Amino acid sequence: MAQEKHGYVVRGLLGLLALVMLLFTLPAYLDPSSNPGLAKLSGETASLGSVAGAFLARQLVLALIALYGAVKGTTQPVLIGAFGMAFLNLHDAVFLSAFGNIGPGAIAGLILGGLALVAMALTWREARV
């Protein structure tokens, strides 16, 4: 697969997904309950030294990887960033739904994960042509 630079549609979609994730992640460092995935946590698990911190760190790293992929624009970073966004969001949506919390976090995860899969498909299609 050639490492070509991809068009603005794919890169823009991935960049938009990364920015949305950053908008949910960065404010949650001040108040973890502001993140839909962490809203139900309380006590020690809601602290940055515990579950909430690990969740936010994972979310921040994957959003930064996706942002790098959008800026760099070549095939491999775009695919890695889109895969990270898809995995993070769909994984969270499935587990939130499985544990009975089919709320805004699960719905947002499905939407963002689906859009990341679209970005992957468009990148794969452009790279094969």
N, C-alpha and C. Protein backbone atom coordinates (compact mmCIF):
# COMPACT_ATOMS: atom_id res chain seq x y z
N MET A 1 0.85 -1.17 0.00
CA MET A 1 0.00 0.00 0.00
C MET A 1 0.90 1.24 0.00
N ALA A 2 0.64 2.12 -0.93
CA ALA A 2 1.46 3.33 -1.07
C ALA A 2 1.16 4.32 0.06
N GLN A 3 2.20 5.02 0.47
CA GLN A 3 2.03 6.05 1.50
C GLN A 3 1.77 7.40 0.83
N GLU A 4 0.61 7.53 0.26
CA GLU A 4 0.25 8.77 -0.42
C GLU A 4 -0.53 9.67 0.53
N LYS A 5 -0.53 10.94 0.21
CA LYS A 5 -1.29 11.90 1.01
C LYS A 5 -2.75 11.84 0.58
N HIS A 6 -3.65 11.79 1.54
CA HIS A 6 -5.07 11.65 1.24
C HIS A 6 -5.75 13.01 1.18
N GLY A 7 -6.94 12.99 0.59
CA GLY A 7 -7.70 14.22 0.36
C GLY A 7 -8.21 14.84 1.64
N TYR A 8 -8.74 16.04 1.47
CA TYR A 8 -9.21 16.81 2.62
C TYR A 8 -10.46 16.22 3.26
N VAL A 9 -11.24 15.46 2.52
CA VAL A 9 -12.46 14.88 3.10
C VAL A 9 -12.09 13.87 4.20
N VAL A 10 -11.21 12.95 3.87
CA VAL A 10 -10.80 11.93 4.85
C VAL A 10 -10.06 12.57 6.02
N ARG A 11 -9.12 13.42 5.71
CA ARG A 11 -8.33 14.06 6.75
C ARG A 11 -9.20 14.98 7.60
N GLY A 12 -10.14 15.67 6.97
CA GLY A 12 -11.04 16.55 7.70
C GLY A 12 -11.96 15.78 8.63
N LEU A 13 -12.47 14.64 8.15
CA LEU A 13 -13.33 13.80 8.98
C LEU A 13 -12.57 13.28 10.19
N LEU A 14 -11.36 12.80 9.96
CA LEU A 14 -10.55 12.29 11.07
C LEU A 14 -10.18 13.41 12.03
N GLY A 15 -9.83 14.57 11.50
CA GLY A 15 -9.51 15.71 12.35
C GLY A 15 -10.70 16.16 13.17
N LEU A 16 -11.88 16.15 12.56
CA LEU A 16 -13.10 16.52 13.28
C LEU A 16 -13.38 15.54 14.41
N LEU A 17 -13.22 14.25 14.13
CA LEU A 17 -13.42 13.24 15.18
C LEU A 17 -12.43 13.45 16.33
N ALA A 18 -11.19 13.74 15.99
CA ALA A 18 -10.18 13.97 17.03
C ALA A 18 -10.52 15.21 17.86
N LEU A 19 -10.96 16.26 17.20
CA LEU A 19 -11.32 17.49 17.94
C LEU A 19 -12.52 17.27 18.85
N VAL A 20 -13.51 16.51 18.38
CA VAL A 20 -14.68 16.20 19.23
C VAL A 20 -14.22 15.43 20.46
N MET A 21 -13.34 14.45 20.26
CA MET A 21 -12.84 13.68 21.40
C MET A 21 -12.06 14.56 22.36
N LEU A 22 -11.27 15.48 21.82
CA LEU A 22 -10.52 16.39 22.69
C LEU A 22 -11.46 17.33 23.46
N LEU A 23 -12.57 17.73 22.83
CA LEU A 23 -13.54 18.59 23.51
C LEU A 23 -14.22 17.88 24.68
N PHE A 24 -14.33 16.56 24.60
CA PHE A 24 -14.90 15.80 25.71
C PHE A 24 -13.83 15.38 26.72
N THR A 25 -12.58 15.31 26.29
CA THR A 25 -11.52 14.82 27.16
C THR A 25 -10.89 15.91 28.02
N LEU A 26 -10.47 16.99 27.41
CA LEU A 26 -9.73 18.01 28.15
C LEU A 26 -10.51 18.62 29.31
N PRO A 27 -11.79 19.01 29.14
CA PRO A 27 -12.53 19.53 30.30
C PRO A 27 -12.74 18.49 31.40
N ALA A 28 -12.73 17.22 31.04
CA ALA A 28 -12.96 16.16 32.03
C ALA A 28 -11.78 16.01 32.98
N TYR A 29 -10.63 16.56 32.64
CA TYR A 29 -9.51 16.53 33.59
C TYR A 29 -9.80 17.42 34.79
N LEU A 30 -10.63 18.45 34.61
CA LEU A 30 -11.03 19.29 35.74
C LEU A 30 -12.19 18.68 36.51
N ASP A 31 -13.12 18.07 35.79
CA ASP A 31 -14.29 17.45 36.40
C ASP A 31 -14.62 16.16 35.63
N PRO A 32 -14.13 15.00 36.08
CA PRO A 32 -14.34 13.76 35.34
C PRO A 32 -15.81 13.42 35.07
N SER A 33 -16.72 13.90 35.89
CA SER A 33 -18.13 13.57 35.67
C SER A 33 -18.72 14.31 34.47
N SER A 34 -17.98 15.27 33.89
CA SER A 34 -18.48 15.97 32.70
C SER A 34 -18.33 15.12 31.44
N ASN A 35 -17.57 14.04 31.50
CA ASN A 35 -17.43 13.13 30.37
C ASN A 35 -18.54 12.10 30.43
N PRO A 36 -19.30 11.89 29.32
CA PRO A 36 -20.42 10.93 29.37
C PRO A 36 -20.03 9.52 29.78
N GLY A 37 -18.82 9.11 29.45
CA GLY A 37 -18.38 7.77 29.82
C GLY A 37 -18.03 7.64 31.29
N LEU A 38 -17.84 8.76 31.98
CA LEU A 38 -17.43 8.74 33.39
C LEU A 38 -18.51 9.28 34.33
N ALA A 39 -19.63 9.68 33.79
CA ALA A 39 -20.66 10.36 34.58
C ALA A 39 -21.18 9.51 35.74
N LYS A 40 -21.21 8.20 35.59
CA LYS A 40 -21.77 7.33 36.64
C LYS A 40 -20.77 6.97 37.73
N LEU A 41 -19.49 7.32 37.55
CA LEU A 41 -18.49 6.98 38.56
C LEU A 41 -18.60 7.90 39.76
N SER A 42 -18.24 7.37 40.92
CA SER A 42 -18.24 8.19 42.13
C SER A 42 -17.11 7.73 43.04
N GLY A 43 -16.79 8.55 44.00
CA GLY A 43 -15.78 8.20 44.98
C GLY A 43 -14.40 8.07 44.37
N GLU A 44 -13.67 7.07 44.85
CA GLU A 44 -12.28 6.86 44.42
C GLU A 44 -12.17 6.57 42.92
N THR A 45 -13.10 5.83 42.36
CA THR A 45 -13.02 5.49 40.93
C THR A 45 -13.16 6.71 40.03
N ALA A 46 -13.74 7.79 40.53
CA ALA A 46 -13.91 9.01 39.74
C ALA A 46 -12.71 9.94 39.83
N SER A 47 -11.65 9.54 40.53
CA SER A 47 -10.48 10.41 40.66
C SER A 47 -9.52 10.17 39.50
N LEU A 48 -8.67 11.16 39.25
CA LEU A 48 -7.70 11.03 38.16
C LEU A 48 -6.62 10.00 38.46
N GLY A 49 -6.49 9.58 39.69
CA GLY A 49 -5.50 8.56 40.04
C GLY A 49 -6.05 7.16 39.94
N SER A 50 -7.25 7.01 39.44
CA SER A 50 -7.88 5.70 39.39
C SER A 50 -8.47 5.46 38.00
N VAL A 51 -9.68 4.91 37.97
CA VAL A 51 -10.34 4.53 36.72
C VAL A 51 -10.52 5.72 35.79
N ALA A 52 -10.97 6.84 36.31
CA ALA A 52 -11.22 8.01 35.47
C ALA A 52 -9.92 8.50 34.81
N GLY A 53 -8.83 8.50 35.53
CA GLY A 53 -7.56 8.93 34.97
C GLY A 53 -7.08 8.02 33.85
N ALA A 54 -7.21 6.72 34.05
CA ALA A 54 -6.80 5.77 33.02
C ALA A 54 -7.68 5.92 31.77
N PHE A 55 -8.98 6.09 31.98
CA PHE A 55 -9.91 6.28 30.86
C PHE A 55 -9.56 7.54 30.08
N LEU A 56 -9.34 8.64 30.79
CA LEU A 56 -9.04 9.91 30.12
C LEU A 56 -7.69 9.88 29.43
N ALA A 57 -6.71 9.22 30.02
CA ALA A 57 -5.40 9.12 29.39
C ALA A 57 -5.49 8.34 28.08
N ARG A 58 -6.22 7.25 28.10
CA ARG A 58 -6.40 6.44 26.88
C ARG A 58 -7.12 7.26 25.81
N GLN A 59 -8.15 7.97 26.23
CA GLN A 59 -8.93 8.78 25.30
C GLN A 59 -8.08 9.92 24.71
N LEU A 60 -7.26 10.56 25.55
CA LEU A 60 -6.40 11.66 25.10
C LEU A 60 -5.35 11.17 24.11
N VAL A 61 -4.72 10.05 24.42
CA VAL A 61 -3.68 9.52 23.54
C VAL A 61 -4.25 9.15 22.18
N LEU A 62 -5.38 8.47 22.14
CA LEU A 62 -5.96 8.08 20.86
C LEU A 62 -6.45 9.29 20.06
N ALA A 63 -6.95 10.31 20.74
CA ALA A 63 -7.36 11.53 20.04
C ALA A 63 -6.15 12.23 19.45
N LEU A 64 -5.04 12.27 20.17
CA LEU A 64 -3.82 12.89 19.65
C LEU A 64 -3.24 12.10 18.48
N ILE A 65 -3.31 10.78 18.53
CA ILE A 65 -2.86 9.95 17.41
C ILE A 65 -3.71 10.23 16.18
N ALA A 66 -5.02 10.32 16.37
CA ALA A 66 -5.91 10.62 15.25
C ALA A 66 -5.64 12.01 14.69
N LEU A 67 -5.39 12.97 15.56
CA LEU A 67 -5.07 14.32 15.11
C LEU A 67 -3.76 14.33 14.32
N TYR A 68 -2.77 13.57 14.77
CA TYR A 68 -1.52 13.44 14.03
C TYR A 68 -1.78 12.85 12.64
N GLY A 69 -2.61 11.80 12.58
CA GLY A 69 -2.94 11.19 11.30
C GLY A 69 -3.62 12.17 10.36
N ALA A 70 -4.50 13.00 10.89
CA ALA A 70 -5.18 13.99 10.06
C ALA A 70 -4.21 15.05 9.54
N VAL A 71 -3.28 15.45 10.37
CA VAL A 71 -2.30 16.48 9.96
C VAL A 71 -1.29 15.89 8.98
N LYS A 72 -0.74 14.72 9.30
CA LYS A 72 0.25 14.07 8.43
C LYS A 72 -0.38 13.70 7.09
N GLY A 73 -1.53 13.06 7.13
CA GLY A 73 -2.32 12.79 5.93
C GLY A 73 -1.92 11.62 5.08
N THR A 74 -0.85 10.91 5.42
CA THR A 74 -0.49 9.75 4.61
C THR A 74 -1.27 8.52 5.10
N THR A 75 -1.26 7.48 4.29
CA THR A 75 -2.14 6.33 4.50
C THR A 75 -2.02 5.71 5.88
N GLN A 76 -0.81 5.34 6.27
CA GLN A 76 -0.65 4.61 7.52
C GLN A 76 -1.08 5.41 8.75
N PRO A 77 -0.64 6.66 8.95
CA PRO A 77 -1.11 7.41 10.12
C PRO A 77 -2.62 7.65 10.12
N VAL A 78 -3.20 7.87 8.95
CA VAL A 78 -4.65 8.07 8.88
C VAL A 78 -5.38 6.79 9.29
N LEU A 79 -4.94 5.65 8.77
CA LEU A 79 -5.59 4.38 9.13
C LEU A 79 -5.42 4.06 10.62
N ILE A 80 -4.23 4.31 11.16
CA ILE A 80 -4.01 4.05 12.59
C ILE A 80 -4.88 4.96 13.44
N GLY A 81 -4.93 6.24 13.11
CA GLY A 81 -5.76 7.17 13.86
C GLY A 81 -7.24 6.83 13.77
N ALA A 82 -7.71 6.49 12.58
CA ALA A 82 -9.12 6.13 12.41
C ALA A 82 -9.45 4.84 13.15
N PHE A 83 -8.54 3.86 13.11
CA PHE A 83 -8.77 2.62 13.84
C PHE A 83 -8.84 2.88 15.33
N GLY A 84 -7.94 3.71 15.84
CA GLY A 84 -7.97 4.04 17.26
C GLY A 84 -9.27 4.69 17.67
N MET A 85 -9.75 5.62 16.86
CA MET A 85 -11.02 6.30 17.16
C MET A 85 -12.19 5.31 17.08
N ALA A 86 -12.18 4.44 16.07
CA ALA A 86 -13.26 3.47 15.93
C ALA A 86 -13.25 2.49 17.11
N PHE A 87 -12.09 1.97 17.45
CA PHE A 87 -12.00 1.00 18.53
C PHE A 87 -12.42 1.61 19.86
N LEU A 88 -11.89 2.78 20.17
CA LEU A 88 -12.21 3.45 21.43
C LEU A 88 -13.72 3.67 21.56
N ASN A 89 -14.31 4.28 20.55
CA ASN A 89 -15.71 4.66 20.64
C ASN A 89 -16.66 3.47 20.58
N LEU A 90 -16.39 2.53 19.67
CA LEU A 90 -17.28 1.36 19.59
C LEU A 90 -17.13 0.46 20.81
N HIS A 91 -15.92 0.32 21.30
CA HIS A 91 -15.68 -0.46 22.52
C HIS A 91 -16.47 0.13 23.69
N ASP A 92 -16.37 1.44 23.86
CA ASP A 92 -17.09 2.08 24.96
C ASP A 92 -18.60 1.99 24.77
N ALA A 93 -19.07 2.15 23.54
CA ALA A 93 -20.51 2.06 23.28
C ALA A 93 -21.04 0.67 23.59
N VAL A 94 -20.31 -0.35 23.20
CA VAL A 94 -20.75 -1.72 23.46
C VAL A 94 -20.79 -2.00 24.96
N PHE A 95 -19.74 -1.60 25.68
CA PHE A 95 -19.72 -1.89 27.11
C PHE A 95 -20.70 -1.04 27.91
N LEU A 96 -20.88 0.21 27.51
CA LEU A 96 -21.90 1.03 28.18
C LEU A 96 -23.29 0.41 27.97
N SER A 97 -23.56 -0.04 26.75
CA SER A 97 -24.86 -0.65 26.46
C SER A 97 -25.03 -1.98 27.18
N ALA A 98 -23.95 -2.76 27.23
CA ALA A 98 -24.03 -4.08 27.87
C ALA A 98 -24.31 -3.97 29.36
N PHE A 99 -23.83 -2.90 29.98
CA PHE A 99 -24.05 -2.73 31.41
C PHE A 99 -25.23 -1.83 31.72
N GLY A 100 -26.12 -1.66 30.75
CA GLY A 100 -27.39 -1.00 30.99
C GLY A 100 -27.39 0.51 30.94
N ASN A 101 -26.35 1.13 30.41
CA ASN A 101 -26.30 2.59 30.35
C ASN A 101 -26.38 3.04 28.89
N ILE A 102 -27.51 2.79 28.26
CA ILE A 102 -27.69 3.20 26.86
C ILE A 102 -28.13 4.65 26.88
N GLY A 103 -27.18 5.53 27.10
CA GLY A 103 -27.45 6.95 27.19
C GLY A 103 -26.63 7.72 26.17
N PRO A 104 -26.36 8.98 26.46
CA PRO A 104 -25.64 9.82 25.50
C PRO A 104 -24.23 9.31 25.19
N GLY A 105 -23.56 8.74 26.17
CA GLY A 105 -22.20 8.23 25.93
C GLY A 105 -22.19 7.07 24.94
N ALA A 106 -23.13 6.15 25.09
CA ALA A 106 -23.21 5.00 24.18
C ALA A 106 -23.62 5.44 22.77
N ILE A 107 -24.57 6.35 22.69
CA ILE A 107 -25.02 6.82 21.38
C ILE A 107 -23.91 7.60 20.68
N ALA A 108 -23.23 8.47 21.42
CA ALA A 108 -22.11 9.22 20.84
C ALA A 108 -21.00 8.28 20.40
N GLY A 109 -20.75 7.23 21.18
CA GLY A 109 -19.74 6.25 20.81
C GLY A 109 -20.08 5.54 19.51
N LEU A 110 -21.34 5.19 19.34
CA LEU A 110 -21.76 4.55 18.08
C LEU A 110 -21.60 5.48 16.90
N ILE A 111 -21.98 6.73 17.06
CA ILE A 111 -21.88 7.70 15.97
C ILE A 111 -20.42 7.98 15.63
N LEU A 112 -19.61 8.30 16.63
CA LEU A 112 -18.21 8.61 16.38
C LEU A 112 -17.45 7.39 15.86
N GLY A 113 -17.74 6.23 16.41
CA GLY A 113 -17.10 5.00 15.93
C GLY A 113 -17.48 4.69 14.50
N GLY A 114 -18.75 4.89 14.16
CA GLY A 114 -19.20 4.68 12.78
C GLY A 114 -18.53 5.63 11.81
N LEU A 115 -18.39 6.89 12.20
CA LEU A 115 -17.71 7.86 11.35
C LEU A 115 -16.23 7.51 11.18
N ALA A 116 -15.62 6.98 12.23
CA ALA A 116 -14.22 6.56 12.12
C ALA A 116 -14.09 5.38 11.15
N LEU A 117 -15.07 4.46 11.16
CA LEU A 117 -15.05 3.35 10.20
C LEU A 117 -15.21 3.87 8.78
N VAL A 118 -16.02 4.91 8.60
CA VAL A 118 -16.17 5.53 7.27
C VAL A 118 -14.83 6.13 6.83
N ALA A 119 -14.14 6.80 7.74
CA ALA A 119 -12.83 7.37 7.42
C ALA A 119 -11.84 6.27 7.03
N MET A 120 -11.89 5.14 7.74
CA MET A 120 -11.01 4.01 7.39
C MET A 120 -11.34 3.48 6.00
N ALA A 121 -12.62 3.31 5.71
CA ALA A 121 -13.03 2.78 4.41
C ALA A 121 -12.63 3.72 3.28
N LEU A 122 -12.82 5.01 3.48
CA LEU A 122 -12.44 5.98 2.44
C LEU A 122 -10.93 5.99 2.23
N THR A 123 -10.18 5.88 3.30
CA THR A 123 -8.72 5.86 3.19
C THR A 123 -8.27 4.61 2.45
N TRP A 124 -8.84 3.49 2.83
CA TRP A 124 -8.49 2.21 2.20
C TRP A 124 -8.82 2.26 0.71
N ARG A 125 -9.97 2.82 0.38
CA ARG A 125 -10.39 2.92 -1.03
C ARG A 125 -9.45 3.82 -1.84
N GLU A 126 -9.09 4.97 -1.26
CA GLU A 126 -8.18 5.88 -1.95
C GLU A 126 -6.79 5.25 -2.13
N ALA A 127 -6.35 4.48 -1.17
CA ALA A 127 -5.02 3.89 -1.22
C ALA A 127 -4.95 2.76 -2.24
N ARG A 128 -6.04 2.11 -2.53
CA ARG A 128 -6.05 0.98 -3.46
C ARG A 128 -6.17 1.41 -4.91
N VAL A 129 -6.62 2.62 -5.17
CA VAL A 129 -6.84 3.07 -6.54
C VAL A 129 -5.53 3.31 -7.24
